[in-house]
Amino acid sequence: MSQLEKLLSGLVMNSRVEKAYVFDVISKIYIATDNSDMDHFYELCSDAIDVVIDVSRIYSKAGDQKSSKPEEGTGVPYDAKSGAIIRMENNYVLHLREVDSYLALVCLMRSDPHVNNGLLEYNFSCFKKAIAELKARHPPSIRGKLGSRKSTAASVPSRQGTRTKEDESKRLL
């Protein structure tokens, strides 16, 4: 199990989360998930990222000042303030949080009025710090693969769907 999967599994155990993913925001492909068996929420999580980006484009200042130079960034208005809490009819709540400028943490949990939101936010911030520490321990060429790359949306691979364990390990190593 990779370090990223271990971090996600720890988050699941300590936060009453049922499923957690780390997504690449541009390609909407998850790069890691916890070890639980609930993998049927992938498309829902990917759609939630689209919703956050679309709403951010409408309401952000960056959306008003669209860059004419594609090399200045991805054009995706996704930053440290990006996030969402979506309550669904099936008694689940989807939490989406920014991890860094290219990664999102998406968690699914049962709707529960007894959930301590402060504790949940604290665990999210601890997870974000752990990812930053994980990136800092790796050489710069590896760190780029964990989300600190500068690319445009045109350079995203066209392959859709989930990555295999082999793909994940190549990406993280």
N, C-alpha and C. Protein backbone atom coordinates (compact mmCIF):
# COMPACT_ATOMS: atom_id res chain seq x y z
N MET A 1 0.84 -1.17 0.00
CA MET A 1 0.00 0.00 0.00
C MET A 1 0.89 1.24 0.00
N SER A 2 0.59 2.20 -0.88
CA SER A 2 1.40 3.41 -0.97
C SER A 2 1.16 4.31 0.23
N GLN A 3 2.06 5.26 0.42
CA GLN A 3 1.92 6.19 1.54
C GLN A 3 0.65 7.02 1.41
N LEU A 4 0.31 7.36 0.18
CA LEU A 4 -0.90 8.14 -0.05
C LEU A 4 -2.15 7.34 0.33
N GLU A 5 -2.16 6.06 -0.02
CA GLU A 5 -3.29 5.20 0.37
C GLU A 5 -3.37 5.05 1.88
N LYS A 6 -2.22 4.96 2.54
CA LYS A 6 -2.21 4.86 4.00
C LYS A 6 -2.76 6.13 4.63
N LEU A 7 -2.40 7.29 4.07
CA LEU A 7 -2.94 8.55 4.59
C LEU A 7 -4.45 8.60 4.43
N LEU A 8 -4.93 8.18 3.27
CA LEU A 8 -6.38 8.17 3.03
C LEU A 8 -7.09 7.19 3.96
N SER A 9 -6.52 6.03 4.16
CA SER A 9 -7.13 5.05 5.07
C SER A 9 -7.17 5.57 6.50
N GLY A 10 -6.13 6.28 6.91
CA GLY A 10 -6.12 6.89 8.24
C GLY A 10 -7.19 7.97 8.37
N LEU A 11 -7.37 8.76 7.33
CA LEU A 11 -8.42 9.77 7.33
C LEU A 11 -9.79 9.13 7.44
N VAL A 12 -10.00 8.05 6.72
CA VAL A 12 -11.29 7.34 6.76
C VAL A 12 -11.57 6.82 8.17
N MET A 13 -10.57 6.23 8.79
CA MET A 13 -10.76 5.66 10.13
C MET A 13 -11.01 6.73 11.19
N ASN A 14 -10.38 7.89 11.05
CA ASN A 14 -10.45 8.91 12.10
C ASN A 14 -11.53 9.96 11.89
N SER A 15 -12.26 9.89 10.79
CA SER A 15 -13.21 10.98 10.49
C SER A 15 -14.61 10.51 10.13
N ARG A 16 -14.93 9.27 10.34
CA ARG A 16 -16.25 8.73 9.97
C ARG A 16 -16.52 8.86 8.47
N VAL A 17 -15.48 8.87 7.68
CA VAL A 17 -15.59 8.93 6.22
C VAL A 17 -15.70 7.51 5.72
N GLU A 18 -16.55 7.28 4.72
CA GLU A 18 -16.72 5.93 4.18
C GLU A 18 -15.84 5.68 2.96
N LYS A 19 -15.53 6.72 2.20
CA LYS A 19 -14.67 6.56 1.03
C LYS A 19 -13.94 7.87 0.80
N ALA A 20 -12.64 7.80 0.47
CA ALA A 20 -11.84 9.00 0.21
C ALA A 20 -11.01 8.79 -1.04
N TYR A 21 -10.92 9.83 -1.85
CA TYR A 21 -10.14 9.83 -3.08
C TYR A 21 -9.25 11.07 -3.10
N VAL A 22 -8.11 10.95 -3.78
CA VAL A 22 -7.32 12.12 -4.17
C VAL A 22 -7.39 12.16 -5.69
N PHE A 23 -7.91 13.28 -6.21
CA PHE A 23 -8.11 13.46 -7.65
C PHE A 23 -7.13 14.47 -8.22
N ASP A 24 -6.72 14.23 -9.46
CA ASP A 24 -6.05 15.24 -10.27
C ASP A 24 -7.18 16.13 -10.78
N VAL A 25 -7.15 17.41 -10.48
CA VAL A 25 -8.26 18.30 -10.78
C VAL A 25 -8.46 18.49 -12.28
N ILE A 26 -7.38 18.54 -13.04
CA ILE A 26 -7.50 18.82 -14.47
C ILE A 26 -8.05 17.62 -15.23
N SER A 27 -7.50 16.44 -14.99
CA SER A 27 -7.94 15.26 -15.74
C SER A 27 -9.14 14.57 -15.11
N LYS A 28 -9.43 14.87 -13.85
CA LYS A 28 -10.54 14.25 -13.09
C LYS A 28 -10.33 12.74 -12.92
N ILE A 29 -9.09 12.33 -12.88
CA ILE A 29 -8.75 10.92 -12.64
C ILE A 29 -8.22 10.83 -11.21
N TYR A 30 -8.72 9.83 -10.47
CA TYR A 30 -8.19 9.73 -9.10
C TYR A 30 -6.85 9.03 -9.14
N ILE A 31 -5.95 9.54 -8.30
CA ILE A 31 -4.60 8.98 -8.26
C ILE A 31 -4.42 8.06 -7.06
N ALA A 32 -5.33 8.17 -6.10
CA ALA A 32 -5.27 7.27 -4.95
C ALA A 32 -6.64 7.23 -4.28
N THR A 33 -6.87 6.13 -3.58
CA THR A 33 -8.09 5.97 -2.80
C THR A 33 -7.76 5.13 -1.58
N ASP A 34 -8.63 5.16 -0.60
CA ASP A 34 -8.42 4.35 0.59
C ASP A 34 -8.68 2.89 0.25
N ASN A 35 -8.56 2.01 1.21
CA ASN A 35 -8.68 0.58 0.95
C ASN A 35 -10.09 0.03 1.13
N SER A 36 -11.10 0.90 1.24
CA SER A 36 -12.47 0.39 1.34
C SER A 36 -12.98 -0.03 -0.04
N ASP A 37 -14.05 -0.81 -0.06
CA ASP A 37 -14.54 -1.41 -1.30
C ASP A 37 -15.58 -0.59 -2.04
N MET A 38 -15.86 0.61 -1.64
CA MET A 38 -16.93 1.41 -2.25
C MET A 38 -16.38 2.21 -3.43
N ASP A 39 -16.13 1.59 -4.56
CA ASP A 39 -15.56 2.30 -5.71
C ASP A 39 -16.60 2.81 -6.69
N HIS A 40 -17.87 2.71 -6.41
CA HIS A 40 -18.89 3.12 -7.36
C HIS A 40 -19.21 4.61 -7.30
N PHE A 41 -18.48 5.38 -6.53
CA PHE A 41 -18.72 6.81 -6.42
C PHE A 41 -17.76 7.65 -7.27
N TYR A 42 -16.91 7.01 -8.06
CA TYR A 42 -15.90 7.73 -8.83
C TYR A 42 -16.50 8.82 -9.71
N GLU A 43 -17.52 8.48 -10.50
CA GLU A 43 -18.11 9.45 -11.42
C GLU A 43 -18.76 10.61 -10.68
N LEU A 44 -19.40 10.33 -9.57
CA LEU A 44 -20.01 11.37 -8.76
C LEU A 44 -18.95 12.36 -8.26
N CYS A 45 -17.83 11.84 -7.82
CA CYS A 45 -16.74 12.69 -7.33
C CYS A 45 -16.17 13.54 -8.46
N SER A 46 -16.00 12.93 -9.62
CA SER A 46 -15.50 13.65 -10.79
C SER A 46 -16.46 14.77 -11.18
N ASP A 47 -17.76 14.49 -11.13
CA ASP A 47 -18.77 15.52 -11.43
C ASP A 47 -18.73 16.65 -10.41
N ALA A 48 -18.48 16.32 -9.15
CA ALA A 48 -18.39 17.35 -8.11
C ALA A 48 -17.23 18.30 -8.37
N ILE A 49 -16.12 17.78 -8.86
CA ILE A 49 -14.97 18.63 -9.21
C ILE A 49 -15.38 19.57 -10.34
N ASP A 50 -16.08 19.04 -11.34
CA ASP A 50 -16.56 19.88 -12.44
C ASP A 50 -17.45 21.01 -11.93
N VAL A 51 -18.35 20.69 -11.01
CA VAL A 51 -19.26 21.69 -10.46
C VAL A 51 -18.48 22.79 -9.74
N VAL A 52 -17.51 22.41 -8.91
CA VAL A 52 -16.72 23.40 -8.17
C VAL A 52 -15.96 24.30 -9.14
N ILE A 53 -15.36 23.72 -10.16
CA ILE A 53 -14.61 24.51 -11.14
C ILE A 53 -15.54 25.43 -11.92
N ASP A 54 -16.70 24.91 -12.35
CA ASP A 54 -17.65 25.73 -13.10
C ASP A 54 -18.17 26.90 -12.27
N VAL A 55 -18.53 26.65 -11.03
CA VAL A 55 -19.01 27.72 -10.16
C VAL A 55 -17.88 28.72 -9.89
N SER A 56 -16.67 28.23 -9.70
CA SER A 56 -15.52 29.11 -9.47
C SER A 56 -15.26 30.00 -10.67
N ARG A 57 -15.43 29.46 -11.87
CA ARG A 57 -15.25 30.27 -13.08
C ARG A 57 -16.26 31.41 -13.11
N ILE A 58 -17.48 31.13 -12.69
CA ILE A 58 -18.53 32.15 -12.74
C ILE A 58 -18.30 33.24 -11.71
N TYR A 59 -17.91 32.86 -10.48
CA TYR A 59 -17.87 33.81 -9.38
C TYR A 59 -16.49 34.28 -8.97
N SER A 60 -15.43 33.77 -9.56
CA SER A 60 -14.09 34.19 -9.15
C SER A 60 -13.63 35.38 -9.98
N LYS A 61 -12.72 36.15 -9.42
CA LYS A 61 -12.12 37.26 -10.15
C LYS A 61 -11.27 36.73 -11.30
N ALA A 62 -10.66 35.55 -11.11
CA ALA A 62 -9.86 34.95 -12.17
C ALA A 62 -10.74 34.62 -13.37
N GLY A 63 -12.00 34.28 -13.12
CA GLY A 63 -12.93 33.98 -14.21
C GLY A 63 -13.26 35.21 -15.02
N ASP A 64 -13.21 36.41 -14.38
CA ASP A 64 -13.48 37.66 -15.09
C ASP A 64 -12.30 38.10 -15.92
N GLN A 65 -11.11 37.66 -15.53
CA GLN A 65 -9.89 38.08 -16.22
C GLN A 65 -9.25 36.89 -16.91
N LYS A 66 -9.93 36.31 -17.85
CA LYS A 66 -9.42 35.12 -18.53
C LYS A 66 -8.10 35.45 -19.22
N SER A 67 -7.11 34.65 -18.97
CA SER A 67 -5.79 34.88 -19.53
C SER A 67 -5.77 34.54 -21.01
N SER A 68 -5.15 35.41 -21.78
CA SER A 68 -5.01 35.13 -23.21
C SER A 68 -3.76 34.33 -23.48
N LYS A 69 -2.93 34.12 -22.47
CA LYS A 69 -1.70 33.37 -22.62
C LYS A 69 -1.83 32.04 -21.91
N PRO A 70 -1.94 30.91 -22.68
CA PRO A 70 -2.13 29.62 -22.03
C PRO A 70 -0.95 29.18 -21.17
N GLU A 71 0.24 29.71 -21.44
CA GLU A 71 1.39 29.27 -20.65
C GLU A 71 1.39 29.85 -19.24
N GLU A 72 0.50 30.80 -18.95
CA GLU A 72 0.45 31.38 -17.62
C GLU A 72 -0.21 30.47 -16.60
N GLY A 73 -0.78 29.37 -17.02
CA GLY A 73 -1.42 28.46 -16.08
C GLY A 73 -2.42 27.59 -16.79
N THR A 74 -3.26 26.97 -16.02
CA THR A 74 -4.21 26.03 -16.60
C THR A 74 -5.52 26.68 -16.98
N GLY A 75 -5.77 27.88 -16.49
CA GLY A 75 -7.06 28.49 -16.72
C GLY A 75 -8.14 27.94 -15.81
N VAL A 76 -7.76 27.06 -14.89
CA VAL A 76 -8.71 26.46 -13.96
C VAL A 76 -8.71 27.29 -12.68
N PRO A 77 -9.85 27.90 -12.32
CA PRO A 77 -9.91 28.71 -11.11
C PRO A 77 -10.04 27.84 -9.87
N TYR A 78 -8.97 27.20 -9.50
CA TYR A 78 -8.97 26.26 -8.38
C TYR A 78 -7.86 26.68 -7.45
N ASP A 79 -8.21 27.01 -6.19
CA ASP A 79 -7.20 27.49 -5.26
C ASP A 79 -7.50 27.00 -3.84
N ALA A 80 -6.79 27.54 -2.87
CA ALA A 80 -6.92 27.09 -1.49
C ALA A 80 -8.33 27.30 -0.92
N LYS A 81 -9.10 28.20 -1.51
CA LYS A 81 -10.46 28.44 -1.03
C LYS A 81 -11.48 27.52 -1.70
N SER A 82 -11.04 26.71 -2.65
CA SER A 82 -11.96 25.84 -3.39
C SER A 82 -12.40 24.68 -2.52
N GLY A 83 -13.68 24.38 -2.59
CA GLY A 83 -14.22 23.28 -1.83
C GLY A 83 -15.74 23.26 -1.94
N ALA A 84 -16.32 22.17 -1.48
CA ALA A 84 -17.78 22.04 -1.53
C ALA A 84 -18.23 20.99 -0.54
N ILE A 85 -19.44 21.18 -0.06
CA ILE A 85 -20.14 20.15 0.73
C ILE A 85 -21.47 19.95 0.02
N ILE A 86 -21.70 18.75 -0.47
CA ILE A 86 -22.90 18.44 -1.24
C ILE A 86 -23.68 17.37 -0.51
N ARG A 87 -24.90 17.69 -0.14
CA ARG A 87 -25.78 16.73 0.52
C ARG A 87 -26.63 16.05 -0.55
N MET A 88 -26.64 14.73 -0.53
CA MET A 88 -27.34 13.96 -1.56
C MET A 88 -28.58 13.30 -0.99
N GLU A 89 -29.46 12.88 -1.87
CA GLU A 89 -30.72 12.25 -1.45
C GLU A 89 -30.51 10.87 -0.82
N ASN A 90 -29.41 10.21 -1.14
CA ASN A 90 -29.18 8.86 -0.63
C ASN A 90 -28.55 8.85 0.77
N ASN A 91 -28.69 9.97 1.50
CA ASN A 91 -28.21 10.08 2.87
C ASN A 91 -26.67 10.13 2.96
N TYR A 92 -26.02 10.53 1.87
CA TYR A 92 -24.57 10.73 1.87
C TYR A 92 -24.26 12.21 1.75
N VAL A 93 -23.09 12.58 2.22
CA VAL A 93 -22.57 13.93 2.06
C VAL A 93 -21.22 13.80 1.40
N LEU A 94 -20.99 14.60 0.36
CA LEU A 94 -19.72 14.60 -0.36
C LEU A 94 -18.97 15.87 0.07
N HIS A 95 -17.75 15.69 0.55
CA HIS A 95 -16.88 16.81 0.94
C HIS A 95 -15.75 16.88 -0.07
N LEU A 96 -15.55 18.04 -0.67
CA LEU A 96 -14.44 18.24 -1.60
C LEU A 96 -13.58 19.37 -1.05
N ARG A 97 -12.28 19.12 -0.94
CA ARG A 97 -11.34 20.11 -0.42
C ARG A 97 -10.12 20.17 -1.32
N GLU A 98 -9.55 21.37 -1.42
CA GLU A 98 -8.32 21.57 -2.15
C GLU A 98 -7.16 21.01 -1.32
N VAL A 99 -6.27 20.25 -1.97
CA VAL A 99 -5.06 19.75 -1.32
C VAL A 99 -3.89 20.62 -1.74
N ASP A 100 -3.73 20.82 -3.04
CA ASP A 100 -2.82 21.81 -3.59
C ASP A 100 -3.40 22.27 -4.91
N SER A 101 -2.65 23.03 -5.68
CA SER A 101 -3.23 23.65 -6.86
C SER A 101 -3.68 22.67 -7.94
N TYR A 102 -3.32 21.40 -7.83
CA TYR A 102 -3.74 20.41 -8.82
C TYR A 102 -4.40 19.17 -8.22
N LEU A 103 -4.51 19.10 -6.91
CA LEU A 103 -5.08 17.92 -6.27
C LEU A 103 -6.27 18.28 -5.41
N ALA A 104 -7.27 17.40 -5.41
CA ALA A 104 -8.45 17.58 -4.57
C ALA A 104 -8.68 16.33 -3.74
N LEU A 105 -9.08 16.52 -2.51
CA LEU A 105 -9.50 15.43 -1.64
C LEU A 105 -11.02 15.39 -1.69
N VAL A 106 -11.57 14.22 -2.07
CA VAL A 106 -13.02 14.06 -2.12
C VAL A 106 -13.39 12.92 -1.18
N CYS A 107 -14.27 13.20 -0.23
CA CYS A 107 -14.67 12.22 0.77
C CYS A 107 -16.18 12.05 0.76
N LEU A 108 -16.62 10.81 0.93
CA LEU A 108 -18.04 10.50 1.06
C LEU A 108 -18.29 9.98 2.45
N MET A 109 -19.34 10.51 3.07
CA MET A 109 -19.69 10.04 4.40
C MET A 109 -21.21 10.08 4.56
N ARG A 110 -21.69 9.29 5.48
CA ARG A 110 -23.13 9.29 5.78
C ARG A 110 -23.50 10.61 6.43
N SER A 111 -24.67 11.08 6.10
CA SER A 111 -25.18 12.29 6.73
C SER A 111 -25.47 11.96 8.19
N ASP A 112 -24.83 12.69 9.10
CA ASP A 112 -24.97 12.41 10.52
C ASP A 112 -24.95 13.73 11.29
N PRO A 113 -26.03 14.05 11.99
CA PRO A 113 -26.05 15.32 12.72
C PRO A 113 -25.05 15.38 13.87
N HIS A 114 -24.49 14.24 14.25
CA HIS A 114 -23.56 14.20 15.37
C HIS A 114 -22.10 14.32 14.93
N VAL A 115 -21.86 14.50 13.65
CA VAL A 115 -20.50 14.65 13.16
C VAL A 115 -19.95 15.99 13.65
N ASN A 116 -18.76 15.95 14.20
CA ASN A 116 -18.09 17.15 14.67
C ASN A 116 -17.37 17.79 13.49
N ASN A 117 -17.95 18.85 12.92
CA ASN A 117 -17.37 19.49 11.74
C ASN A 117 -16.00 20.08 12.01
N GLY A 118 -15.77 20.56 13.23
CA GLY A 118 -14.45 21.09 13.59
C GLY A 118 -13.38 20.00 13.52
N LEU A 119 -13.71 18.82 14.02
CA LEU A 119 -12.77 17.71 13.97
C LEU A 119 -12.53 17.27 12.53
N LEU A 120 -13.58 17.26 11.74
CA LEU A 120 -13.45 16.90 10.33
C LEU A 120 -12.53 17.89 9.61
N GLU A 121 -12.73 19.18 9.83
CA GLU A 121 -11.87 20.20 9.21
C GLU A 121 -10.42 20.05 9.69
N TYR A 122 -10.24 19.75 10.96
CA TYR A 122 -8.90 19.54 11.48
C TYR A 122 -8.23 18.35 10.80
N ASN A 123 -8.96 17.25 10.63
CA ASN A 123 -8.39 16.08 9.96
C ASN A 123 -8.07 16.37 8.50
N PHE A 124 -8.91 17.18 7.83
CA PHE A 124 -8.62 17.58 6.46
C PHE A 124 -7.33 18.40 6.41
N SER A 125 -7.17 19.32 7.35
CA SER A 125 -5.95 20.15 7.34
C SER A 125 -4.71 19.31 7.66
N CYS A 126 -4.84 18.32 8.54
CA CYS A 126 -3.71 17.42 8.83
C CYS A 126 -3.35 16.60 7.59
N PHE A 127 -4.36 16.16 6.85
CA PHE A 127 -4.12 15.41 5.62
C PHE A 127 -3.38 16.29 4.61
N LYS A 128 -3.79 17.53 4.47
CA LYS A 128 -3.16 18.46 3.54
C LYS A 128 -1.69 18.69 3.92
N LYS A 129 -1.42 18.85 5.21
CA LYS A 129 -0.04 19.02 5.68
C LYS A 129 0.79 17.77 5.41
N ALA A 130 0.19 16.59 5.61
CA ALA A 130 0.91 15.33 5.37
C ALA A 130 1.27 15.19 3.90
N ILE A 131 0.39 15.61 3.01
CA ILE A 131 0.68 15.56 1.57
C ILE A 131 1.83 16.51 1.25
N ALA A 132 1.82 17.70 1.84
CA ALA A 132 2.91 18.66 1.62
C ALA A 132 4.24 18.09 2.11
N GLU A 133 4.23 17.42 3.25
CA GLU A 133 5.46 16.80 3.78
C GLU A 133 5.92 15.66 2.88
N LEU A 134 4.97 14.88 2.37
CA LEU A 134 5.30 13.78 1.47
C LEU A 134 5.95 14.31 0.20
N LYS A 135 5.42 15.40 -0.34
CA LYS A 135 5.99 16.02 -1.53
C LYS A 135 7.38 16.58 -1.24
N ALA A 136 7.57 17.15 -0.06
CA ALA A 136 8.85 17.76 0.30
C ALA A 136 9.97 16.72 0.45
N ARG A 137 9.61 15.49 0.80
CA ARG A 137 10.62 14.44 0.99
C ARG A 137 11.13 13.86 -0.31
N HIS A 138 10.43 14.14 -1.41
CA HIS A 138 10.82 13.57 -2.70
C HIS A 138 11.59 14.59 -3.52
N PRO A 139 12.46 14.11 -4.42
CA PRO A 139 13.20 15.03 -5.30
C PRO A 139 12.22 15.84 -6.17
N PRO A 140 12.67 16.98 -6.69
CA PRO A 140 11.78 17.84 -7.49
C PRO A 140 11.11 17.13 -8.67
N SER A 141 11.78 16.21 -9.31
CA SER A 141 11.16 15.52 -10.44
C SER A 141 9.97 14.69 -9.99
N ILE A 142 10.02 14.14 -8.79
CA ILE A 142 8.91 13.36 -8.26
C ILE A 142 7.82 14.28 -7.75
N ARG A 143 8.22 15.38 -7.10
CA ARG A 143 7.26 16.30 -6.55
C ARG A 143 6.31 16.82 -7.62
N GLY A 144 6.80 17.01 -8.83
CA GLY A 144 5.95 17.47 -9.93
C GLY A 144 4.83 16.51 -10.23
N LYS A 145 5.08 15.23 -10.03
CA LYS A 145 4.06 14.23 -10.30
C LYS A 145 2.99 14.19 -9.22
N LEU A 146 3.26 14.80 -8.09
CA LEU A 146 2.28 14.82 -7.00
C LEU A 146 1.46 16.10 -6.98
N GLY A 147 1.51 16.86 -8.06
CA GLY A 147 0.59 17.97 -8.13
C GLY A 147 1.19 19.35 -8.26
N SER A 148 2.50 19.53 -8.22
CA SER A 148 3.05 20.87 -8.33
C SER A 148 3.59 21.12 -9.73
N ARG A 149 2.96 20.54 -10.72
CA ARG A 149 3.40 20.73 -12.10
C ARG A 149 2.77 21.98 -12.67
N LYS A 150 3.37 22.48 -13.73
CA LYS A 150 2.79 23.61 -14.46
C LYS A 150 2.52 23.10 -15.87
N SER A 151 1.27 22.83 -16.14
CA SER A 151 0.89 22.33 -17.45
C SER A 151 -0.41 22.98 -17.85
N THR A 152 -0.76 22.79 -19.11
CA THR A 152 -2.05 23.30 -19.57
C THR A 152 -2.99 22.14 -19.72
N ALA A 153 -4.25 22.44 -19.84
CA ALA A 153 -5.25 21.39 -19.98
C ALA A 153 -5.02 20.57 -21.24
N ALA A 154 -4.39 21.16 -22.25
CA ALA A 154 -4.13 20.44 -23.50
C ALA A 154 -3.11 19.34 -23.31
N SER A 155 -2.28 19.43 -22.26
CA SER A 155 -1.26 18.41 -22.07
C SER A 155 -1.73 17.24 -21.22
N VAL A 156 -3.00 17.24 -20.83
CA VAL A 156 -3.56 16.16 -20.02
C VAL A 156 -3.74 14.93 -20.90
N PRO A 157 -3.33 13.75 -20.43
CA PRO A 157 -3.53 12.55 -21.23
C PRO A 157 -5.01 12.33 -21.52
N SER A 158 -5.31 11.79 -22.68
CA SER A 158 -6.71 11.63 -23.07
C SER A 158 -7.35 10.40 -22.47
N ARG A 159 -6.58 9.53 -21.84
CA ARG A 159 -7.14 8.32 -21.26
C ARG A 159 -8.05 8.67 -20.10
N GLN A 160 -9.26 8.19 -20.13
CA GLN A 160 -10.22 8.45 -19.08
C GLN A 160 -10.37 7.22 -18.20
N GLY A 161 -10.95 7.40 -17.02
CA GLY A 161 -11.19 6.27 -16.11
C GLY A 161 -10.19 6.25 -14.99
N THR A 162 -10.17 5.16 -14.28
CA THR A 162 -9.29 5.06 -13.13
C THR A 162 -7.95 4.50 -13.55
N ARG A 163 -6.97 4.77 -12.76
CA ARG A 163 -5.63 4.24 -13.00
C ARG A 163 -5.49 2.89 -12.32
N THR A 164 -4.64 2.07 -12.89
CA THR A 164 -4.35 0.79 -12.26
C THR A 164 -3.36 1.03 -11.14
N LYS A 165 -3.17 0.04 -10.29
CA LYS A 165 -2.19 0.15 -9.20
C LYS A 165 -0.80 0.41 -9.78
N GLU A 166 -0.49 -0.21 -10.92
CA GLU A 166 0.81 -0.01 -11.54
C GLU A 166 0.98 1.44 -12.00
N ASP A 167 -0.07 2.01 -12.60
CA ASP A 167 -0.03 3.40 -13.02
C ASP A 167 0.17 4.32 -11.83
N GLU A 168 -0.55 4.04 -10.73
CA GLU A 168 -0.42 4.86 -9.53
C GLU A 168 1.00 4.81 -8.99
N SER A 169 1.58 3.62 -8.94
CA SER A 169 2.92 3.51 -8.37
C SER A 169 3.94 4.21 -9.27
N LYS A 170 3.78 4.13 -10.59
CA LYS A 170 4.69 4.84 -11.49
C LYS A 170 4.56 6.34 -11.30
N ARG A 171 3.33 6.80 -11.12
CA ARG A 171 3.10 8.23 -10.98
C ARG A 171 3.69 8.74 -9.67
N LEU A 172 3.57 7.96 -8.61
CA LEU A 172 4.03 8.40 -7.30
C LEU A 172 5.51 8.19 -7.09
N LEU A 173 6.12 7.31 -7.84
CA LEU A 173 7.55 7.04 -7.64
C LEU A 173 8.43 7.84 -8.53
